Amino acid sequence: MKALLPTGDPATLVAPGEAEEPRPGPGQALVKVEAFSVNRGEILRLHGALPGVGMRPGKDIAGLVVQAAADGSGPRTGQRVVAHPPGGGWAEYAAVDTDRIAVLPDTVPTLTAAALPLAGLTALRLLRTAGSLAGRSLLVTGASGGVGHYLTELAVAGGADVTAVTATARRGRRLADFGATVVHDLADAGGPFDTVLESVGGPTTARALALLRPRGQLIWFGQASGEPAALDFFAFFGGPVSATVRHFSYEDSAEPYGLDLALLVRLVAAGRLHPEIGHLADWSSTPSVLTALLTRAIPANAVLKVGA
């Protein structure tokens, strides 16, 4: 089958090639991939990949089940699905554990669904970790990407008073439409806040921590700036008393990916969550799209159509 394979070359991270068609295990469905979306984390990992060795990218896919799981679990043959495999999704076919798959209703297009998995799962599980936010103040740093979009829309819908920090004017207008207060610099965020969701790193982490209320919580889930955060815990004496700093990984959840994907799909179908596709193209243009995403030249999610 055709697939995009890592090259190990920073100038062209993937190239078209041939890979063996996957053979599904008993609890896996074979999915004909019709679209996939790209995540910055996958791009950063590709920078360390060796030619022909290591991981094949592709964690966000949508398509058609062409072979149901032999053990009877999961979707039936012929059903449209969205899925979150650990990798290998930038290809014509992917074998996916059935607990990583959700069936799509007719009202949710395949291309829209492809923009859901990693960003949507991260946002959903972050808010679950944060706890009830109804009537509470929430600061979201680094809100320019897909996670920031989903976080803001879901948190506002849940009754939170959201302040989102984004340097992108277009994304700022989108988040404001959801009901968030949008600022383009953390210095303008105001506060104090009950909860901070921090994904920038570098000096932003300490500055965001200082904006917490006493007994507030900062949940750290990324380092988009590429700079490590340095915290002076003596600063707590002059800042938020008894504040909590917590690390978050979206992979650390008791809920199977499939159940949370199904919840996200229901929210989209009900008009309560609105995935945004900032760039749509044939998968032959993936190498240039990766470069554009890494430099943040593409707003929102980039979705690539397979076999178009």
Protein backbone atom coordinates (compact mmCIF):
# COMPACT_ATOMS: atom_id res chain seq x y z
CA MET A 1 0.00 0.00 0.00
CA LYS A 2 1.02 3.64 -0.37
CA ALA A 3 2.22 5.38 2.79
CA LEU A 4 4.16 8.41 3.96
CA LEU A 5 7.45 7.29 5.47
CA PRO A 6 9.90 9.22 7.67
CA THR A 7 13.07 10.31 5.86
CA GLY A 8 15.24 11.58 8.70
CA ASP A 9 15.80 14.74 6.63
CA PRO A 10 14.67 17.93 8.44
CA ALA A 11 14.04 19.61 5.07
CA THR A 12 11.57 16.92 3.96
CA LEU A 13 10.34 14.96 6.96
CA VAL A 14 8.26 12.39 5.06
CA ALA A 15 8.18 11.02 1.55
CA PRO A 16 5.76 8.78 -0.37
CA GLY A 17 6.67 5.12 -0.29
CA GLU A 18 5.38 1.58 -0.05
CA ALA A 19 4.55 -0.25 3.18
CA GLU A 20 3.11 -3.64 3.88
CA GLU A 21 -0.66 -3.55 4.29
CA PRO A 22 -1.45 -4.11 7.98
CA ARG A 23 -2.86 -7.42 9.15
CA PRO A 24 -5.41 -6.73 11.88
CA GLY A 25 -5.27 -8.65 15.14
CA PRO A 26 -8.43 -10.18 16.64
CA GLY A 27 -9.43 -6.93 18.36
CA GLN A 28 -8.55 -4.64 15.48
CA ALA A 29 -10.53 -3.27 12.55
CA LEU A 30 -8.96 -2.51 9.19
CA VAL A 31 -9.71 1.09 8.24
CA LYS A 32 -9.38 2.52 4.74
CA VAL A 33 -7.98 5.94 5.59
CA GLU A 34 -9.79 8.74 3.77
CA ALA A 35 -8.33 11.69 5.69
CA PHE A 36 -5.89 12.46 8.47
CA SER A 37 -4.84 15.53 10.42
CA VAL A 38 -1.36 16.53 11.52
CA ASN A 39 -0.14 17.42 15.00
CA ARG A 40 2.89 19.47 16.00
CA GLY A 41 3.99 16.70 18.37
CA GLU A 42 4.28 14.29 15.45
CA ILE A 43 6.32 16.83 13.51
CA LEU A 44 8.74 17.26 16.39
CA ARG A 45 9.14 13.50 16.71
CA LEU A 46 9.83 13.20 12.99
CA HIS A 47 12.80 15.50 13.38
CA GLY A 48 14.45 12.66 15.31
CA ALA A 49 13.35 9.83 13.02
CA LEU A 50 15.85 7.79 11.00
CA PRO A 51 15.21 6.71 7.38
CA GLY A 52 13.22 3.51 7.34
CA VAL A 53 13.48 3.11 11.11
CA GLY A 54 11.27 4.00 14.04
CA MET A 55 7.76 5.24 14.19
CA ARG A 56 5.48 5.79 11.23
CA PRO A 57 3.38 8.87 11.93
CA GLY A 58 -0.39 9.13 11.91
CA LYS A 59 -2.50 9.37 15.08
CA ASP A 60 -5.59 11.22 13.78
CA ILE A 61 -7.50 9.41 11.03
CA ALA A 62 -11.00 9.05 9.63
CA GLY A 63 -12.26 6.65 7.02
CA LEU A 64 -14.19 3.49 6.29
CA VAL A 65 -14.03 0.10 8.00
CA VAL A 66 -13.26 -2.48 5.31
CA GLN A 67 -12.75 -5.39 7.70
CA ALA A 68 -14.45 -5.65 11.08
CA ALA A 69 -12.58 -7.05 14.07
CA ALA A 70 -12.51 -10.85 14.19
CA ASP A 71 -13.54 -10.89 17.86
CA GLY A 72 -16.81 -9.08 17.07
CA SER A 73 -15.92 -5.88 18.90
CA GLY A 74 -16.15 -2.41 17.47
CA PRO A 75 -17.67 -1.09 14.25
CA ARG A 76 -19.09 -3.16 11.43
CA THR A 77 -17.68 -3.39 7.92
CA GLY A 78 -18.87 -0.42 5.88
CA GLN A 79 -19.22 2.03 8.78
CA ARG A 80 -17.50 5.42 8.67
CA VAL A 81 -15.27 6.01 11.66
CA VAL A 82 -12.80 8.32 13.36
CA ALA A 83 -9.86 6.74 15.13
CA HIS A 84 -6.75 7.44 17.19
CA PRO A 85 -4.13 4.76 16.54
CA PRO A 86 -0.67 5.09 18.14
CA GLY A 87 0.82 5.62 14.67
CA GLY A 88 0.84 4.43 11.08
CA GLY A 89 -2.18 6.44 9.98
CA TRP A 90 -0.55 8.38 7.14
CA ALA A 91 -1.26 5.51 4.77
CA GLU A 92 -4.00 3.98 2.66
CA TYR A 93 -4.92 1.50 5.41
CA ALA A 94 -4.52 1.27 9.17
CA ALA A 95 -5.25 -1.56 11.62
CA VAL A 96 -6.73 0.02 14.74
CA ASP A 97 -7.73 -1.41 18.13
CA THR A 98 -11.49 -1.18 18.35
CA ASP A 99 -11.35 0.69 21.66
CA ARG A 100 -9.63 3.52 19.77
CA ILE A 101 -12.46 3.94 17.24
CA ALA A 102 -15.79 5.80 17.20
CA VAL A 103 -18.52 5.46 14.58
CA LEU A 104 -19.55 8.60 12.70
CA PRO A 105 -23.20 9.54 12.20
CA ASP A 106 -24.31 10.76 8.79
CA THR A 107 -24.30 14.37 10.04
CA VAL A 108 -20.56 14.45 10.77
CA PRO A 109 -18.40 14.61 7.62
CA THR A 110 -15.30 12.45 7.43
CA LEU A 111 -13.01 15.44 6.82
CA THR A 112 -14.40 17.23 9.88
CA ALA A 113 -13.93 14.15 12.03
CA ALA A 114 -10.27 13.84 11.03
CA ALA A 115 -9.57 17.10 12.89
CA LEU A 116 -10.93 15.75 16.17
CA PRO A 117 -8.79 13.07 17.83
CA LEU A 118 -5.60 14.29 19.50
CA ALA A 119 -6.59 17.93 19.99
CA GLY A 120 -10.13 17.06 21.02
CA LEU A 121 -9.07 14.28 23.37
CA THR A 122 -6.47 16.54 24.98
CA ALA A 123 -8.99 19.33 25.55
CA LEU A 124 -11.70 17.02 26.89
CA ARG A 125 -9.36 15.27 29.30
CA LEU A 126 -7.74 18.51 30.44
CA LEU A 127 -11.12 19.91 31.43
CA ARG A 128 -12.00 16.65 33.16
CA THR A 129 -8.74 16.95 35.12
CA ALA A 130 -9.45 20.57 36.00
CA GLY A 131 -12.79 19.62 37.54
CA SER A 132 -15.99 21.63 37.60
CA LEU A 133 -15.42 25.06 36.08
CA ALA A 134 -18.95 26.45 36.24
CA GLY A 135 -18.71 30.00 37.50
CA ARG A 136 -14.92 29.82 37.83
CA SER A 137 -12.19 31.77 36.03
CA LEU A 138 -9.93 29.94 33.60
CA LEU A 139 -6.81 31.13 31.78
CA VAL A 140 -5.68 29.28 28.65
CA THR A 141 -2.19 30.14 27.41
CA GLY A 142 -1.05 29.26 23.90
CA ALA A 143 -4.64 29.15 22.65
CA SER A 144 -3.77 29.52 18.96
CA GLY A 145 -3.90 25.82 18.08
CA GLY A 146 -6.54 23.14 17.91
CA VAL A 147 -6.32 22.26 21.61
CA GLY A 148 -6.85 25.90 22.57
CA HIS A 149 -9.88 26.07 20.29
CA TYR A 150 -11.55 22.99 21.76
CA LEU A 151 -10.60 23.96 25.33
CA THR A 152 -12.14 27.38 24.97
CA GLU A 153 -15.35 26.26 23.31
CA LEU A 154 -15.95 23.42 25.77
CA ALA A 155 -15.00 25.44 28.86
CA VAL A 156 -17.25 28.38 27.95
CA ALA A 157 -20.09 25.96 27.30
CA GLY A 158 -19.43 24.46 30.73
CA GLY A 159 -19.95 27.82 32.43
CA ALA A 160 -16.34 28.95 32.87
CA ASP A 161 -15.21 32.56 32.54
CA VAL A 162 -12.41 31.96 30.01
CA THR A 163 -9.50 34.21 29.13
CA ALA A 164 -7.56 32.94 26.13
CA VAL A 165 -4.09 34.12 25.12
CA THR A 166 -3.35 33.99 21.41
CA ALA A 167 -1.05 36.00 19.17
CA THR A 168 -3.19 35.20 16.14
CA ALA A 169 -5.87 37.76 15.30
CA ARG A 170 -7.99 35.31 13.29
CA ARG A 171 -7.97 32.74 16.08
CA GLY A 172 -8.70 35.50 18.58
CA ARG A 173 -11.88 36.43 16.73
CA ARG A 174 -12.94 32.79 16.67
CA LEU A 175 -12.41 32.34 20.42
CA ALA A 176 -14.19 35.61 21.14
CA ASP A 177 -17.17 34.30 19.17
CA PHE A 178 -17.33 31.39 21.61
CA GLY A 179 -17.60 33.88 24.49
CA ALA A 180 -14.00 34.06 25.70
CA THR A 181 -12.08 37.15 26.67
CA VAL A 182 -9.17 37.24 24.23
CA VAL A 183 -5.79 38.88 24.86
CA HIS A 184 -2.70 38.81 22.68
CA ASP A 185 -0.17 39.07 25.50
CA LEU A 186 -0.16 37.38 28.89
CA ALA A 187 0.56 40.76 30.48
CA ASP A 188 -2.97 41.81 29.52
CA ALA A 189 -4.69 38.75 30.96
CA GLY A 190 -5.74 40.34 34.25
CA GLY A 191 -6.66 37.74 36.83
CA PRO A 192 -6.39 36.28 39.33
CA PHE A 193 -7.63 32.94 37.99
CA ASP A 194 -8.94 29.79 39.65
CA THR A 195 -7.26 27.58 37.05
CA VAL A 196 -4.52 28.08 34.48
CA LEU A 197 -4.03 25.65 31.58
CA GLU A 198 -0.43 26.25 30.45
CA SER A 199 1.18 24.91 27.30
CA VAL A 200 3.85 27.45 26.30
CA GLY A 201 6.76 26.87 28.66
CA GLY A 202 9.75 29.17 29.05
CA PRO A 203 9.08 32.30 31.12
CA THR A 204 5.34 32.02 30.40
CA THR A 205 4.90 29.25 32.96
CA ALA A 206 6.15 31.33 35.90
CA ARG A 207 4.22 34.39 34.73
CA ALA A 208 1.02 32.38 34.41
CA LEU A 209 1.55 30.78 37.82
CA ALA A 210 1.69 34.25 39.39
CA LEU A 211 -1.81 34.95 38.07
CA LEU A 212 -3.43 32.22 40.18
CA ARG A 213 -5.71 32.84 43.13
CA PRO A 214 -4.74 31.38 46.50
CA ARG A 215 -5.31 27.61 46.34
CA GLY A 216 -5.64 27.81 42.57
CA GLN A 217 -4.22 25.22 40.20
CA LEU A 218 -1.92 25.39 37.19
CA ILE A 219 -2.08 22.39 34.87
CA TRP A 220 0.99 22.17 32.62
CA PHE A 221 0.49 20.20 29.42
CA GLY A 222 3.02 21.40 26.87
CA GLN A 223 6.06 23.42 25.91
CA ALA A 224 5.14 24.93 22.55
CA SER A 225 7.86 27.55 22.78
CA GLY A 226 10.52 24.86 22.93
CA GLU A 227 11.96 26.55 26.01
CA PRO A 228 12.01 24.70 29.36
CA ALA A 229 10.12 26.33 32.20
CA ALA A 230 12.00 27.40 35.32
CA LEU A 231 9.99 27.92 38.51
CA ASP A 232 11.21 29.64 41.66
CA PHE A 233 9.13 28.04 44.38
CA PHE A 234 10.20 30.73 46.85
CA ALA A 235 8.08 33.04 44.71
CA PHE A 236 5.03 31.29 46.17
CA PHE A 237 5.58 33.27 49.35
CA GLY A 238 4.74 36.44 47.47
CA GLY A 239 2.22 34.87 45.13
CA PRO A 240 -0.67 32.40 45.14
CA VAL A 241 -0.76 30.77 48.57
CA SER A 242 -1.10 26.97 48.49
CA ALA A 243 -1.33 26.87 44.71
CA THR A 244 -0.97 23.55 42.93
CA VAL A 245 1.16 22.77 39.87
CA ARG A 246 0.18 19.59 38.05
CA HIS A 247 1.58 17.84 35.01
CA PHE A 248 -0.94 16.48 32.49
CA SER A 249 -0.68 13.80 29.82
CA TYR A 250 -3.73 13.10 27.68
CA GLU A 251 -2.67 9.44 27.51
CA ASP A 252 -3.15 9.01 31.27
CA SER A 253 -6.90 8.37 31.44
CA ALA A 254 -9.16 5.61 32.66
CA GLU A 255 -11.49 6.19 29.70
CA PRO A 256 -10.74 4.33 26.46
CA TYR A 257 -9.99 6.61 23.53
CA GLY A 258 -13.03 5.26 21.69
CA LEU A 259 -15.48 6.36 24.37
CA ASP A 260 -14.08 9.87 24.50
CA LEU A 261 -13.98 10.06 20.71
CA ALA A 262 -17.64 9.04 20.64
CA LEU A 263 -18.43 11.86 23.10
CA LEU A 264 -16.61 14.39 20.91
CA VAL A 265 -18.48 13.13 17.85
CA ARG A 266 -21.82 13.53 19.67
CA LEU A 267 -20.91 17.10 20.59
CA VAL A 268 -20.10 17.87 16.95
CA ALA A 269 -23.32 16.25 15.75
CA ALA A 270 -25.31 18.31 18.27
CA GLY A 271 -23.68 21.56 17.15
CA ARG A 272 -21.90 22.04 20.48
CA LEU A 273 -18.35 21.60 19.16
CA HIS A 274 -17.08 23.06 15.90
CA PRO A 275 -13.83 21.65 14.48
CA GLU A 276 -12.04 24.18 12.31
CA ILE A 277 -10.02 23.12 9.28
CA GLY A 278 -7.42 25.78 8.54
CA HIS A 279 -5.92 23.94 5.58
CA LEU A 280 -7.32 21.16 3.39
CA ALA A 281 -5.21 19.46 0.74
CA ASP A 282 -4.27 16.18 -0.91
CA TRP A 283 -1.85 14.08 1.11
CA SER A 284 0.80 14.51 -1.60
CA SER A 285 1.40 17.99 -0.13
CA THR A 286 2.07 16.66 3.39
CA PRO A 287 5.82 17.58 3.46
CA SER A 288 5.10 21.27 2.79
CA VAL A 289 2.17 21.24 5.21
CA LEU A 290 4.43 19.92 7.98
CA THR A 291 6.80 22.84 7.45
CA ALA A 292 3.94 25.34 7.45
CA LEU A 293 2.49 23.90 10.67
CA LEU A 294 5.82 23.95 12.43
CA THR A 295 6.19 27.66 11.67
CA ARG A 296 2.52 28.27 12.56
CA ALA A 297 1.75 29.49 9.04
CA ILE A 298 -1.49 27.45 9.08
CA PRO A 299 -4.21 28.36 11.57
CA ALA A 300 -6.25 25.60 13.22
CA ASN A 301 -6.07 22.01 11.95
CA ALA A 302 -4.54 20.83 8.69
CA VAL A 303 -6.45 17.95 7.12
CA LEU A 304 -5.01 15.84 4.29
CA LYS A 305 -7.19 13.79 1.95
CA VAL A 306 -5.88 10.32 1.12
CA GLY A 307 -6.23 8.98 -2.40
CA ALA A 308 -7.92 12.12 -3.69
